Amino acid sequence: MRVWGLKTCDTTRKALAALREAGHEVTFVDVRESGIDAALAAQIVALSGDRAVNRASATWRGLGAEERDAAPETLLQRHPLLMKRPVIRSGDDWTQGWDDTARRRWL
């Protein structure tokens, strides 16, 4: 299982702890350090559409109007901190966020 997020994000930390406690072997990728490449950005947007970008974040509020109009894939590549966290993948199964649906799927 692979989890993308931020090591400083409370939601990501909660998800990682719960996944490990449930017995999952987790490989964590901090997007602040590694970034988001084009293939991953495309997969995330295919999974969540426009919701892949966290428009409530401080990073979003700091963007200019022109940059906000960019495609979600482009936004995630340029500003990985905009990704709604965490993104979890195991095989062909993906989730984004740590809501009830994601918890039911993985725990």
N, C-alpha and C. Protein backbone atom coordinates (compact mmCIF):
# COMPACT_ATOMS: atom_id res chain seq x y z
N MET A 1 0.85 -1.17 0.00
CA MET A 1 0.00 0.00 0.00
C MET A 1 0.89 1.24 0.00
N ARG A 2 0.51 2.21 -0.80
CA ARG A 2 1.26 3.47 -0.87
C ARG A 2 0.32 4.60 -0.47
N VAL A 3 0.86 5.52 0.33
CA VAL A 3 0.09 6.67 0.80
C VAL A 3 0.87 7.93 0.45
N TRP A 4 0.19 8.87 -0.22
CA TRP A 4 0.78 10.17 -0.53
C TRP A 4 0.13 11.21 0.37
N GLY A 5 0.93 12.09 0.92
CA GLY A 5 0.41 13.14 1.77
C GLY A 5 1.54 14.03 2.26
N LEU A 6 1.30 14.67 3.39
CA LEU A 6 2.32 15.49 4.04
C LEU A 6 2.58 14.93 5.42
N LYS A 7 3.85 14.83 5.80
CA LYS A 7 4.14 14.28 7.12
C LYS A 7 3.67 15.20 8.23
N THR A 8 3.41 16.46 7.92
CA THR A 8 2.93 17.41 8.93
C THR A 8 1.42 17.54 8.96
N CYS A 9 0.72 16.82 8.08
CA CYS A 9 -0.73 16.92 7.97
C CYS A 9 -1.39 15.99 9.00
N ASP A 10 -2.24 16.54 9.86
CA ASP A 10 -2.91 15.74 10.88
C ASP A 10 -3.74 14.62 10.27
N THR A 11 -4.46 14.90 9.21
CA THR A 11 -5.30 13.88 8.58
C THR A 11 -4.44 12.74 8.03
N THR A 12 -3.34 13.08 7.39
CA THR A 12 -2.44 12.06 6.86
C THR A 12 -1.86 11.23 8.00
N ARG A 13 -1.46 11.87 9.08
CA ARG A 13 -0.90 11.12 10.21
C ARG A 13 -1.93 10.19 10.82
N LYS A 14 -3.18 10.63 10.95
CA LYS A 14 -4.24 9.77 11.47
C LYS A 14 -4.46 8.57 10.57
N ALA A 15 -4.48 8.81 9.27
CA ALA A 15 -4.68 7.72 8.31
C ALA A 15 -3.53 6.72 8.39
N LEU A 16 -2.30 7.21 8.42
CA LEU A 16 -1.15 6.31 8.50
C LEU A 16 -1.20 5.45 9.76
N ALA A 17 -1.50 6.07 10.88
CA ALA A 17 -1.57 5.32 12.14
C ALA A 17 -2.64 4.24 12.09
N ALA A 18 -3.83 4.60 11.58
CA ALA A 18 -4.93 3.64 11.51
C ALA A 18 -4.61 2.50 10.53
N LEU A 19 -4.02 2.82 9.40
CA LEU A 19 -3.68 1.80 8.42
C LEU A 19 -2.65 0.83 8.97
N ARG A 20 -1.63 1.35 9.63
CA ARG A 20 -0.60 0.48 10.22
C ARG A 20 -1.18 -0.37 11.34
N GLU A 21 -2.03 0.24 12.16
CA GLU A 21 -2.67 -0.50 13.25
C GLU A 21 -3.56 -1.62 12.70
N ALA A 22 -4.14 -1.41 11.53
CA ALA A 22 -4.99 -2.42 10.90
C ALA A 22 -4.16 -3.51 10.20
N GLY A 23 -2.83 -3.37 10.23
CA GLY A 23 -1.95 -4.40 9.68
C GLY A 23 -1.46 -4.16 8.26
N HIS A 24 -1.76 -3.01 7.70
CA HIS A 24 -1.28 -2.71 6.35
C HIS A 24 0.20 -2.35 6.39
N GLU A 25 0.92 -2.82 5.39
CA GLU A 25 2.31 -2.42 5.20
C GLU A 25 2.27 -1.18 4.31
N VAL A 26 2.67 -0.04 4.86
CA VAL A 26 2.49 1.25 4.19
C VAL A 26 3.83 1.84 3.76
N THR A 27 3.88 2.28 2.52
CA THR A 27 4.99 3.09 2.03
C THR A 27 4.46 4.52 1.92
N PHE A 28 5.07 5.44 2.66
CA PHE A 28 4.59 6.82 2.68
C PHE A 28 5.44 7.68 1.77
N VAL A 29 4.78 8.56 1.01
CA VAL A 29 5.45 9.50 0.12
C VAL A 29 5.00 10.91 0.52
N ASP A 30 5.95 11.72 0.96
CA ASP A 30 5.66 13.11 1.31
C ASP A 30 5.73 13.94 0.03
N VAL A 31 4.59 14.47 -0.39
CA VAL A 31 4.54 15.21 -1.66
C VAL A 31 5.28 16.54 -1.59
N ARG A 32 5.51 17.05 -0.38
CA ARG A 32 6.31 18.28 -0.27
C ARG A 32 7.74 18.01 -0.72
N GLU A 33 8.23 16.81 -0.40
CA GLU A 33 9.60 16.44 -0.74
C GLU A 33 9.73 15.86 -2.14
N SER A 34 8.77 15.05 -2.54
CA SER A 34 8.90 14.33 -3.81
C SER A 34 8.17 14.98 -4.97
N GLY A 35 7.21 15.84 -4.67
CA GLY A 35 6.40 16.44 -5.72
C GLY A 35 5.38 15.44 -6.26
N ILE A 36 4.67 15.87 -7.28
CA ILE A 36 3.68 15.03 -7.94
C ILE A 36 3.97 15.08 -9.43
N ASP A 37 4.28 13.93 -10.00
CA ASP A 37 4.59 13.91 -11.44
C ASP A 37 3.30 13.87 -12.25
N ALA A 38 3.43 13.99 -13.56
CA ALA A 38 2.27 14.08 -14.45
C ALA A 38 1.39 12.84 -14.36
N ALA A 39 2.00 11.66 -14.29
CA ALA A 39 1.21 10.42 -14.25
C ALA A 39 0.39 10.33 -12.97
N LEU A 40 1.00 10.64 -11.83
CA LEU A 40 0.27 10.60 -10.57
C LEU A 40 -0.82 11.67 -10.54
N ALA A 41 -0.52 12.87 -11.01
CA ALA A 41 -1.53 13.93 -11.05
C ALA A 41 -2.73 13.49 -11.89
N ALA A 42 -2.47 12.86 -13.03
CA ALA A 42 -3.56 12.38 -13.88
C ALA A 42 -4.39 11.32 -13.18
N GLN A 43 -3.75 10.42 -12.45
CA GLN A 43 -4.47 9.37 -11.73
C GLN A 43 -5.33 9.96 -10.62
N ILE A 44 -4.80 10.93 -9.90
CA ILE A 44 -5.54 11.55 -8.81
C ILE A 44 -6.77 12.29 -9.36
N VAL A 45 -6.58 13.01 -10.45
CA VAL A 45 -7.71 13.75 -11.05
C VAL A 45 -8.73 12.77 -11.63
N ALA A 46 -8.27 11.66 -12.20
CA ALA A 46 -9.21 10.65 -12.70
C ALA A 46 -10.03 10.07 -11.55
N LEU A 47 -9.42 9.95 -10.39
CA LEU A 47 -10.09 9.42 -9.20
C LEU A 47 -11.12 10.40 -8.65
N SER A 48 -10.72 11.65 -8.50
CA SER A 48 -11.54 12.62 -7.76
C SER A 48 -12.03 13.81 -8.56
N GLY A 49 -11.59 13.94 -9.79
CA GLY A 49 -12.01 15.08 -10.58
C GLY A 49 -11.53 16.39 -9.98
N ASP A 50 -12.39 17.39 -10.02
CA ASP A 50 -12.05 18.71 -9.49
C ASP A 50 -11.79 18.70 -7.99
N ARG A 51 -12.35 17.71 -7.28
CA ARG A 51 -12.15 17.63 -5.83
C ARG A 51 -10.73 17.21 -5.45
N ALA A 52 -9.91 16.86 -6.42
CA ALA A 52 -8.53 16.49 -6.15
C ALA A 52 -7.74 17.66 -5.59
N VAL A 53 -8.19 18.87 -5.90
CA VAL A 53 -7.52 20.09 -5.46
C VAL A 53 -8.26 20.66 -4.25
N ASN A 54 -7.53 20.89 -3.18
CA ASN A 54 -8.10 21.44 -1.96
C ASN A 54 -8.20 22.96 -2.09
N ARG A 55 -9.39 23.42 -2.39
CA ARG A 55 -9.61 24.85 -2.59
C ARG A 55 -9.85 25.62 -1.29
N ALA A 56 -9.76 24.93 -0.16
CA ALA A 56 -9.89 25.60 1.13
C ALA A 56 -8.52 25.85 1.78
N SER A 57 -7.46 25.47 1.09
CA SER A 57 -6.12 25.56 1.67
C SER A 57 -5.52 26.95 1.56
N ALA A 58 -4.54 27.19 2.41
CA ALA A 58 -3.80 28.46 2.36
C ALA A 58 -3.05 28.58 1.04
N THR A 59 -2.58 27.47 0.52
CA THR A 59 -1.87 27.49 -0.76
C THR A 59 -2.80 27.99 -1.87
N TRP A 60 -4.04 27.49 -1.89
CA TRP A 60 -5.03 27.93 -2.89
C TRP A 60 -5.29 29.43 -2.75
N ARG A 61 -5.47 29.89 -1.53
CA ARG A 61 -5.77 31.31 -1.32
C ARG A 61 -4.61 32.19 -1.76
N GLY A 62 -3.41 31.65 -1.78
CA GLY A 62 -2.25 32.42 -2.20
C GLY A 62 -2.04 32.48 -3.70
N LEU A 63 -2.81 31.71 -4.45
CA LEU A 63 -2.66 31.70 -5.90
C LEU A 63 -3.38 32.89 -6.54
N GLY A 64 -2.83 33.36 -7.63
CA GLY A 64 -3.49 34.40 -8.40
C GLY A 64 -4.64 33.81 -9.21
N ALA A 65 -5.53 34.67 -9.66
CA ALA A 65 -6.71 34.23 -10.40
C ALA A 65 -6.33 33.45 -11.66
N GLU A 66 -5.32 33.89 -12.34
CA GLU A 66 -4.91 33.21 -13.57
C GLU A 66 -4.43 31.79 -13.28
N GLU A 67 -3.65 31.64 -12.22
CA GLU A 67 -3.14 30.30 -11.88
C GLU A 67 -4.26 29.38 -11.41
N ARG A 68 -5.25 29.92 -10.72
CA ARG A 68 -6.39 29.11 -10.26
C ARG A 68 -7.16 28.51 -11.43
N ASP A 69 -7.06 29.13 -12.60
CA ASP A 69 -7.78 28.64 -13.78
C ASP A 69 -7.08 27.46 -14.46
N ALA A 70 -5.88 27.10 -14.01
CA ALA A 70 -5.15 25.99 -14.62
C ALA A 70 -5.88 24.67 -14.38
N ALA A 71 -5.60 23.70 -15.23
CA ALA A 71 -6.19 22.37 -15.08
C ALA A 71 -5.76 21.77 -13.75
N PRO A 72 -6.60 20.95 -13.13
CA PRO A 72 -6.24 20.34 -11.84
C PRO A 72 -4.92 19.58 -11.88
N GLU A 73 -4.65 18.87 -12.98
CA GLU A 73 -3.39 18.13 -13.10
C GLU A 73 -2.19 19.08 -13.02
N THR A 74 -2.31 20.20 -13.69
CA THR A 74 -1.24 21.20 -13.69
C THR A 74 -1.07 21.79 -12.30
N LEU A 75 -2.18 22.11 -11.65
CA LEU A 75 -2.10 22.67 -10.29
C LEU A 75 -1.40 21.71 -9.34
N LEU A 76 -1.73 20.42 -9.41
CA LEU A 76 -1.10 19.44 -8.51
C LEU A 76 0.40 19.31 -8.77
N GLN A 77 0.79 19.40 -10.03
CA GLN A 77 2.21 19.31 -10.34
C GLN A 77 2.97 20.55 -9.87
N ARG A 78 2.38 21.71 -10.08
CA ARG A 78 3.05 22.96 -9.69
C ARG A 78 3.02 23.21 -8.18
N HIS A 79 1.93 22.77 -7.56
CA HIS A 79 1.71 23.03 -6.13
C HIS A 79 1.21 21.76 -5.45
N PRO A 80 2.10 20.82 -5.15
CA PRO A 80 1.68 19.55 -4.57
C PRO A 80 0.91 19.69 -3.26
N LEU A 81 1.11 20.80 -2.55
CA LEU A 81 0.40 21.00 -1.29
C LEU A 81 -1.10 21.22 -1.50
N LEU A 82 -1.52 21.45 -2.75
CA LEU A 82 -2.94 21.60 -3.04
C LEU A 82 -3.69 20.27 -3.05
N MET A 83 -2.98 19.16 -3.05
CA MET A 83 -3.62 17.85 -3.12
C MET A 83 -4.45 17.59 -1.86
N LYS A 84 -5.69 17.17 -2.06
CA LYS A 84 -6.51 16.74 -0.93
C LYS A 84 -5.87 15.47 -0.40
N ARG A 85 -5.65 15.42 0.92
CA ARG A 85 -4.85 14.35 1.50
C ARG A 85 -5.65 13.48 2.44
N PRO A 86 -5.17 12.23 2.55
CA PRO A 86 -4.13 11.53 1.79
C PRO A 86 -4.71 10.85 0.55
N VAL A 87 -3.83 10.49 -0.36
CA VAL A 87 -4.19 9.62 -1.47
C VAL A 87 -3.62 8.24 -1.12
N ILE A 88 -4.47 7.23 -1.20
CA ILE A 88 -4.07 5.88 -0.81
C ILE A 88 -4.30 4.94 -2.00
N ARG A 89 -3.30 4.10 -2.27
CA ARG A 89 -3.42 3.13 -3.35
C ARG A 89 -2.94 1.77 -2.87
N SER A 90 -3.72 0.77 -3.17
CA SER A 90 -3.32 -0.61 -2.97
C SER A 90 -3.76 -1.37 -4.21
N GLY A 91 -2.80 -1.82 -5.00
CA GLY A 91 -3.13 -2.46 -6.27
C GLY A 91 -3.82 -1.46 -7.18
N ASP A 92 -5.00 -1.82 -7.67
CA ASP A 92 -5.76 -0.92 -8.54
C ASP A 92 -6.81 -0.12 -7.77
N ASP A 93 -6.83 -0.24 -6.47
CA ASP A 93 -7.81 0.44 -5.63
C ASP A 93 -7.22 1.74 -5.10
N TRP A 94 -7.95 2.85 -5.26
CA TRP A 94 -7.49 4.17 -4.86
C TRP A 94 -8.57 4.86 -4.05
N THR A 95 -8.15 5.67 -3.08
CA THR A 95 -9.06 6.61 -2.42
C THR A 95 -8.31 7.92 -2.21
N GLN A 96 -9.09 8.98 -2.03
CA GLN A 96 -8.50 10.28 -1.71
C GLN A 96 -9.27 10.86 -0.55
N GLY A 97 -8.54 11.34 0.45
CA GLY A 97 -9.14 11.85 1.66
C GLY A 97 -9.23 10.75 2.71
N TRP A 98 -9.65 11.11 3.92
CA TRP A 98 -9.76 10.14 5.01
C TRP A 98 -11.16 10.27 5.62
N ASP A 99 -12.15 10.05 4.76
CA ASP A 99 -13.54 10.13 5.20
C ASP A 99 -14.04 8.73 5.54
N ASP A 100 -15.32 8.61 5.86
CA ASP A 100 -15.90 7.32 6.23
C ASP A 100 -15.74 6.28 5.13
N THR A 101 -15.89 6.69 3.89
CA THR A 101 -15.76 5.77 2.76
C THR A 101 -14.35 5.18 2.71
N ALA A 102 -13.33 6.03 2.84
CA ALA A 102 -11.95 5.56 2.81
C ALA A 102 -11.66 4.65 4.00
N ARG A 103 -12.14 5.04 5.17
CA ARG A 103 -11.90 4.21 6.37
C ARG A 103 -12.54 2.84 6.22
N ARG A 104 -13.78 2.80 5.70
CA ARG A 104 -14.45 1.50 5.50
C ARG A 104 -13.70 0.65 4.49
N ARG A 105 -13.16 1.26 3.47
CA ARG A 105 -12.46 0.49 2.46
C ARG A 105 -11.16 -0.11 2.96
N TRP A 106 -10.43 0.64 3.76
CA TRP A 106 -9.08 0.21 4.15
C TRP A 106 -9.00 -0.44 5.53
N LEU A 107 -9.95 -0.20 6.40
CA LEU A 107 -9.82 -0.72 7.77
C LEU A 107 -10.69 -1.94 8.01
